[in-house]
Amino acid sequence: MSFIKIRRKQITFPFSFVDMRCTYQLLTVLLFLSGFQAHSQIRLIVLDQYNLKKGDTLQASLSSHVHLESESAPRSTTTLSTDIHLFQKSKKIDLNPFISADHTLLKYKPELTGVAFLEISQRSFGAYSKEEYLANLKEQGLVPIAKQLESILNGKDQVKDTAIFYTKSLISLDKNKPFSKEPITNDHEITLKSNPAGASYGDQLSALLTLRGKPLPNAPVVLYVKAKSGNIISELLSSDADGMLNIKLDIEGIYFLQHLFIANVSTNNEVSSLWTTFSFEFLNTVHKRDTYAEFGF
């Protein structure tokens, strides 16, 4: 897992139960083009390849870092545990033996063909001052969360954040085969309901956000897109009354859907946070744009 610098608009990211609406306007995109640079660094697991060919190795960086860390306040965290599996149809393959000794790299050569899901679950711990913790949230655009926590957290104790990061990635060894559209039964999960294979610019995909096995309505979800150039832009989405999301495919690259849920805050500043991310690659197969393909024009 590496730090990724993001070009994005300022987003508003409240707790899960607050209904949000977001507009993605041309003016905002022009801010990306003018070089607006965010200071926050988001925790995303980027696979070396999402569409594998026979004989390719599935590889991902698992380096530990802080999901709330910014360039102005560097701080490390401790990864408490890592658990990795590959799901394909009814098969569940344990990939933990294929993690490097220092738990920073996964390398595995799949023997199966077809579409599969790589599931990575990591638990980490970090300690911060109240000011640092809230400032880092605000730098990521999570201002409403920071404001609500400001009235809950006390200024005497350090904030001790125990975070669970759950990442599910769609990988394919054969684009023509269907994939499962059902949750893997994780407590906090995003499940893609339509296939990005064969899609074109302007197409829309749907996804379901669940918490403890139930759809999570009116919840803010951040969409990050890593374009082929390496630039990352973001948009704030919101699930509907049934927990469904719509994702418009405007840019070729890696798509990440990410949701944060604050599970618990104790009186001595012990925070339990749950992060879920779903990633897939969109490769346009129908036509190419003439200009500004990276930005969806």
Protein backbone atom coordinates (compact mmCIF):
# COMPACT_ATOMS: atom_id res chain seq x y z
CA MET A 1 0.00 0.00 0.00
CA SER A 2 1.55 3.28 -0.99
CA PHE A 3 0.70 6.91 -0.38
CA ILE A 4 -1.14 8.42 -3.35
CA LYS A 5 -1.36 12.15 -3.89
CA ILE A 6 -4.81 13.23 -4.93
CA ARG A 7 -6.20 15.98 -7.10
CA ARG A 8 -9.74 16.49 -5.94
CA LYS A 9 -12.42 18.93 -4.96
CA GLN A 10 -13.23 19.65 -1.32
CA ILE A 11 -15.83 17.12 -0.22
CA THR A 12 -18.29 16.98 2.64
CA PHE A 13 -18.29 13.63 4.40
CA PRO A 14 -20.68 13.26 7.36
CA PHE A 15 -21.57 10.24 9.44
CA SER A 16 -23.33 7.42 7.64
CA PHE A 17 -26.83 8.33 8.76
CA VAL A 18 -26.78 11.82 7.21
CA ASP A 19 -28.30 12.17 3.74
CA MET A 20 -25.97 13.86 1.27
CA ARG A 21 -26.32 15.20 -2.22
CA CYS A 22 -23.41 15.95 -4.53
CA THR A 23 -23.04 17.65 -7.90
CA TYR A 24 -20.07 17.00 -10.14
CA GLN A 25 -19.76 20.18 -12.18
CA LEU A 26 -17.49 21.22 -15.02
CA LEU A 27 -16.01 23.98 -12.86
CA THR A 28 -14.81 21.37 -10.37
CA VAL A 29 -13.12 19.38 -13.10
CA LEU A 30 -11.38 22.54 -14.27
CA LEU A 31 -9.94 22.86 -10.77
CA PHE A 32 -8.31 19.46 -11.32
CA LEU A 33 -6.85 20.69 -14.60
CA SER A 34 -5.46 23.82 -12.97
CA GLY A 35 -3.43 21.73 -10.56
CA PHE A 36 -5.39 21.95 -7.31
CA GLN A 37 -3.42 19.70 -4.97
CA ALA A 38 -4.88 18.09 -1.88
CA HIS A 39 -2.67 17.59 1.16
CA SER A 40 -4.28 14.42 2.46
CA GLN A 41 -3.09 10.93 1.66
CA ILE A 42 -5.67 8.19 1.41
CA ARG A 43 -5.17 4.53 2.18
CA LEU A 44 -5.79 2.57 -1.03
CA ILE A 45 -4.49 -0.84 -2.08
CA VAL A 46 -3.57 -0.72 -5.76
CA LEU A 47 -2.97 -4.05 -7.48
CA ASP A 48 -0.22 -4.28 -10.08
CA GLN A 49 -2.78 -5.81 -12.49
CA TYR A 50 -6.55 -6.25 -12.43
CA ASN A 51 -6.90 -8.05 -15.75
CA LEU A 52 -4.46 -10.94 -15.67
CA LYS A 53 -3.39 -13.27 -18.44
CA LYS A 54 -2.48 -16.92 -18.03
CA GLY A 55 0.81 -17.18 -16.15
CA ASP A 56 0.64 -13.65 -14.66
CA THR A 57 1.35 -13.09 -10.97
CA LEU A 58 -1.19 -11.37 -8.74
CA GLN A 59 0.78 -8.76 -6.79
CA ALA A 60 -0.14 -6.01 -4.32
CA SER A 61 1.78 -3.76 -1.94
CA LEU A 62 0.62 -4.10 1.67
CA SER A 63 2.88 -1.53 3.33
CA SER A 64 1.42 -0.14 6.55
CA HIS A 65 0.50 3.54 6.75
CA VAL A 66 -1.98 5.84 8.42
CA HIS A 67 -5.30 6.41 6.70
CA LEU A 68 -5.53 9.85 8.36
CA GLU A 69 -1.95 10.88 7.68
CA SER A 70 -1.14 14.07 5.77
CA GLU A 71 2.07 15.56 4.42
CA SER A 72 2.02 18.16 7.18
CA ALA A 73 1.70 15.63 10.00
CA PRO A 74 3.52 12.37 9.18
CA ARG A 75 3.00 9.55 11.65
CA SER A 76 3.22 5.79 11.40
CA THR A 77 0.77 3.15 12.56
CA THR A 78 1.14 -0.42 13.67
CA THR A 79 -0.49 -3.11 11.56
CA LEU A 80 -1.95 -5.54 14.06
CA SER A 81 -3.10 -8.20 11.60
CA THR A 82 -3.49 -8.97 7.89
CA ASP A 83 -5.79 -11.57 6.39
CA ILE A 84 -6.04 -12.25 2.62
CA HIS A 85 -8.23 -14.61 0.60
CA LEU A 86 -9.13 -15.13 -3.04
CA PHE A 87 -12.79 -15.91 -3.81
CA GLN A 88 -13.90 -17.53 -7.06
CA LYS A 89 -17.35 -19.10 -7.25
CA SER A 90 -17.49 -21.58 -4.36
CA LYS A 91 -13.73 -21.65 -3.80
CA LYS A 92 -12.01 -19.68 -1.03
CA ILE A 93 -8.21 -19.73 -1.28
CA ASP A 94 -6.06 -18.72 1.69
CA LEU A 95 -3.33 -16.36 0.40
CA ASN A 96 -1.73 -15.62 3.78
CA PRO A 97 1.19 -18.01 3.03
CA PHE A 98 1.99 -15.83 0.02
CA ILE A 99 2.56 -12.64 2.02
CA SER A 100 6.19 -11.60 2.45
CA ALA A 101 7.83 -12.06 5.86
CA ASP A 102 7.61 -8.32 6.60
CA HIS A 103 3.91 -8.27 5.60
CA THR A 104 4.48 -5.62 2.93
CA LEU A 105 3.93 -7.59 -0.30
CA LEU A 106 1.53 -10.20 -1.71
CA LYS A 107 2.68 -12.34 -4.65
CA TYR A 108 0.55 -15.21 -5.90
CA LYS A 109 0.22 -16.96 -9.26
CA PRO A 110 -3.45 -17.98 -9.68
CA GLU A 111 -4.20 -21.44 -11.01
CA LEU A 112 -7.88 -20.69 -11.58
CA THR A 113 -9.43 -18.94 -14.58
CA GLY A 114 -12.35 -16.55 -14.73
CA VAL A 115 -13.38 -13.67 -12.49
CA ALA A 116 -12.41 -13.58 -8.81
CA PHE A 117 -12.35 -11.28 -5.79
CA LEU A 118 -9.24 -10.50 -3.78
CA GLU A 119 -10.25 -9.81 -0.17
CA ILE A 120 -7.78 -8.05 2.13
CA SER A 121 -8.61 -7.29 5.75
CA GLN A 122 -6.16 -5.34 7.91
CA ARG A 123 -6.39 -4.09 11.49
CA SER A 124 -4.17 -1.20 12.53
CA PHE A 125 -3.60 1.09 15.49
CA GLY A 126 -2.47 4.71 15.74
CA ALA A 127 -2.26 7.31 18.53
CA TYR A 128 -2.71 11.07 18.02
CA SER A 129 -3.41 14.25 19.88
CA LYS A 130 -6.99 15.44 19.58
CA GLU A 131 -5.90 18.43 17.48
CA GLU A 132 -3.85 16.29 15.12
CA TYR A 133 -6.61 13.71 14.73
CA LEU A 134 -9.28 16.29 13.91
CA ALA A 135 -6.97 18.29 11.64
CA ASN A 136 -6.16 15.20 9.60
CA LEU A 137 -9.86 14.41 9.20
CA LYS A 138 -10.52 17.95 7.98
CA GLU A 139 -7.64 17.78 5.51
CA GLN A 140 -9.31 14.79 3.89
CA GLY A 141 -12.57 16.70 3.56
CA LEU A 142 -14.23 14.86 6.46
CA VAL A 143 -15.24 18.14 8.11
CA PRO A 144 -18.68 17.07 9.47
CA ILE A 145 -17.15 13.96 11.07
CA ALA A 146 -14.44 16.12 12.64
CA LYS A 147 -17.03 18.58 13.97
CA GLN A 148 -19.12 15.85 15.57
CA LEU A 149 -16.06 14.19 17.10
CA GLU A 150 -14.84 17.55 18.40
CA SER A 151 -17.70 17.66 20.87
CA ILE A 152 -17.21 14.01 21.89
CA LEU A 153 -13.43 13.71 22.28
CA ASN A 154 -11.79 15.20 25.36
CA GLY A 155 -8.61 17.23 25.18
CA LYS A 156 -6.77 15.37 27.95
CA ASP A 157 -6.25 11.92 26.46
CA GLN A 158 -4.61 10.90 23.20
CA VAL A 159 -6.93 9.66 20.49
CA LYS A 160 -6.29 5.94 20.09
CA ASP A 161 -7.73 4.83 16.76
CA THR A 162 -8.18 1.12 16.07
CA ALA A 163 -9.14 0.82 12.41
CA ILE A 164 -10.28 -2.14 10.36
CA PHE A 165 -9.65 -1.74 6.64
CA TYR A 166 -11.56 -4.11 4.39
CA THR A 167 -10.66 -4.05 0.69
CA LYS A 168 -12.30 -6.11 -2.05
CA SER A 169 -10.87 -5.98 -5.58
CA LEU A 170 -12.38 -7.41 -8.76
CA ILE A 171 -9.76 -9.27 -10.82
CA SER A 172 -10.19 -11.22 -14.02
CA LEU A 173 -8.35 -13.94 -15.87
CA ASP A 174 -11.14 -14.20 -18.46
CA LYS A 175 -13.28 -11.14 -19.22
CA ASN A 176 -16.06 -13.15 -20.83
CA LYS A 177 -17.04 -15.06 -17.70
CA PRO A 178 -19.64 -13.69 -15.22
CA PHE A 179 -18.85 -12.79 -11.63
CA SER A 180 -20.71 -13.12 -8.35
CA LYS A 181 -22.88 -10.13 -7.50
CA GLU A 182 -23.49 -11.21 -3.91
CA PRO A 183 -21.68 -9.90 -0.78
CA ILE A 184 -18.95 -12.08 0.71
CA THR A 185 -20.87 -11.62 4.01
CA ASN A 186 -18.36 -9.17 5.48
CA ASP A 187 -19.82 -6.89 8.17
CA HIS A 188 -19.01 -3.75 6.14
CA GLU A 189 -18.94 -4.22 2.39
CA ILE A 190 -19.45 -2.69 -1.05
CA THR A 191 -20.65 -5.14 -3.72
CA LEU A 192 -20.58 -4.34 -7.44
CA LYS A 193 -23.85 -5.32 -9.13
CA SER A 194 -22.90 -4.75 -12.79
CA ASN A 195 -19.87 -5.81 -14.79
CA PRO A 196 -17.33 -3.18 -15.94
CA ALA A 197 -15.98 -5.58 -18.59
CA GLY A 198 -17.05 -4.40 -22.05
CA ALA A 199 -18.31 -1.04 -20.76
CA SER A 200 -17.79 2.24 -22.59
CA TYR A 201 -17.52 5.92 -21.66
CA GLY A 202 -20.71 7.22 -20.10
CA ASP A 203 -21.98 3.82 -18.97
CA GLN A 204 -23.19 3.48 -15.40
CA LEU A 205 -22.54 0.68 -12.93
CA SER A 206 -24.45 -0.03 -9.74
CA ALA A 207 -23.14 -1.15 -6.35
CA LEU A 208 -24.63 -2.04 -2.97
CA LEU A 209 -23.34 -0.74 0.38
CA THR A 210 -24.08 -2.98 3.37
CA LEU A 211 -23.37 -2.81 7.09
CA ARG A 212 -23.80 -5.92 9.23
CA GLY A 213 -25.51 -7.61 6.31
CA LYS A 214 -28.13 -4.89 5.77
CA PRO A 215 -28.24 -2.17 3.07
CA LEU A 216 -26.94 1.18 4.34
CA PRO A 217 -29.18 3.98 3.02
CA ASN A 218 -28.32 7.65 2.46
CA ALA A 219 -24.64 7.05 3.18
CA PRO A 220 -21.79 9.12 1.69
CA VAL A 221 -19.26 7.12 -0.35
CA VAL A 222 -16.15 8.64 -1.90
CA LEU A 223 -15.27 7.58 -5.43
CA TYR A 224 -11.56 7.81 -6.24
CA VAL A 225 -10.38 7.28 -9.81
CA LYS A 226 -6.71 6.72 -10.60
CA ALA A 227 -6.30 7.69 -14.26
CA LYS A 228 -3.68 6.17 -16.54
CA SER A 229 -1.52 9.26 -16.04
CA GLY A 230 -1.34 8.52 -12.31
CA ASN A 231 -3.53 11.48 -11.34
CA ILE A 232 -6.28 10.70 -8.83
CA ILE A 233 -9.53 12.64 -8.69
CA SER A 234 -12.51 12.12 -6.41
CA GLU A 235 -16.26 12.61 -6.26
CA LEU A 236 -18.69 12.30 -3.38
CA LEU A 237 -21.54 9.87 -4.00
CA SER A 238 -24.47 8.90 -1.81
CA SER A 239 -26.34 5.63 -1.52
CA ASP A 240 -30.09 5.75 -2.08
CA ALA A 241 -32.86 4.53 0.24
CA ASP A 242 -31.98 0.93 -0.68
CA GLY A 243 -28.22 1.31 -0.15
CA MET A 244 -27.54 1.41 -3.91
CA LEU A 245 -24.87 3.54 -5.63
CA ASN A 246 -24.52 4.62 -9.25
CA ILE A 247 -21.02 4.98 -10.72
CA LYS A 248 -20.56 6.73 -14.05
CA LEU A 249 -17.57 5.57 -16.10
CA ASP A 250 -16.06 8.80 -17.42
CA ILE A 251 -12.35 8.02 -17.08
CA GLU A 252 -10.26 4.98 -17.92
CA GLY A 253 -8.38 3.76 -14.88
CA ILE A 254 -8.75 2.16 -11.45
CA TYR A 255 -11.98 2.95 -9.59
CA PHE A 256 -12.15 2.89 -5.77
CA LEU A 257 -15.37 3.20 -3.77
CA GLN A 258 -14.65 3.94 -0.10
CA HIS A 259 -16.90 4.35 2.95
CA LEU A 260 -16.03 5.24 6.56
CA PHE A 261 -18.14 4.22 9.55
CA ILE A 262 -17.30 5.34 13.10
CA ALA A 263 -18.35 2.31 15.13
CA ASN A 264 -17.58 3.54 18.65
CA VAL A 265 -15.99 6.39 20.64
CA SER A 266 -15.22 5.87 24.34
CA THR A 267 -14.93 8.50 27.06
CA ASN A 268 -11.12 8.17 27.06
CA ASN A 269 -10.81 8.82 23.28
CA GLU A 270 -10.64 5.23 22.08
CA VAL A 271 -12.08 5.24 18.55
CA SER A 272 -13.13 2.20 16.53
CA SER A 273 -13.37 2.98 12.81
CA LEU A 274 -14.41 0.74 9.93
CA TRP A 275 -13.29 1.39 6.35
CA THR A 276 -14.53 -0.54 3.35
CA THR A 277 -13.19 -0.17 -0.20
CA PHE A 278 -14.12 -1.81 -3.49
CA SER A 279 -11.80 -1.46 -6.50
CA PHE A 280 -11.95 -2.45 -10.16
CA GLU A 281 -10.40 -1.39 -13.45
CA PHE A 282 -12.34 0.27 -16.27
CA LEU A 283 -10.88 -0.15 -19.76
CA ASN A 284 -12.95 1.40 -22.53
CA THR A 285 -13.44 -1.19 -25.29
CA VAL A 286 -15.71 0.68 -27.71
CA HIS A 287 -14.22 4.02 -28.65
CA LYS A 288 -11.52 6.49 -27.67
CA ARG A 289 -12.04 10.11 -26.79
CA ASP A 290 -10.22 12.69 -28.88
CA THR A 291 -9.25 15.05 -26.04
CA TYR A 292 -9.05 15.12 -22.25
CA ALA A 293 -9.93 11.43 -21.97
CA GLU A 294 -8.35 11.38 -18.56
CA PHE A 295 -10.87 13.87 -17.23
CA GLY A 296 -14.00 12.51 -18.86
CA PHE A 297 -14.54 15.08 -21.64
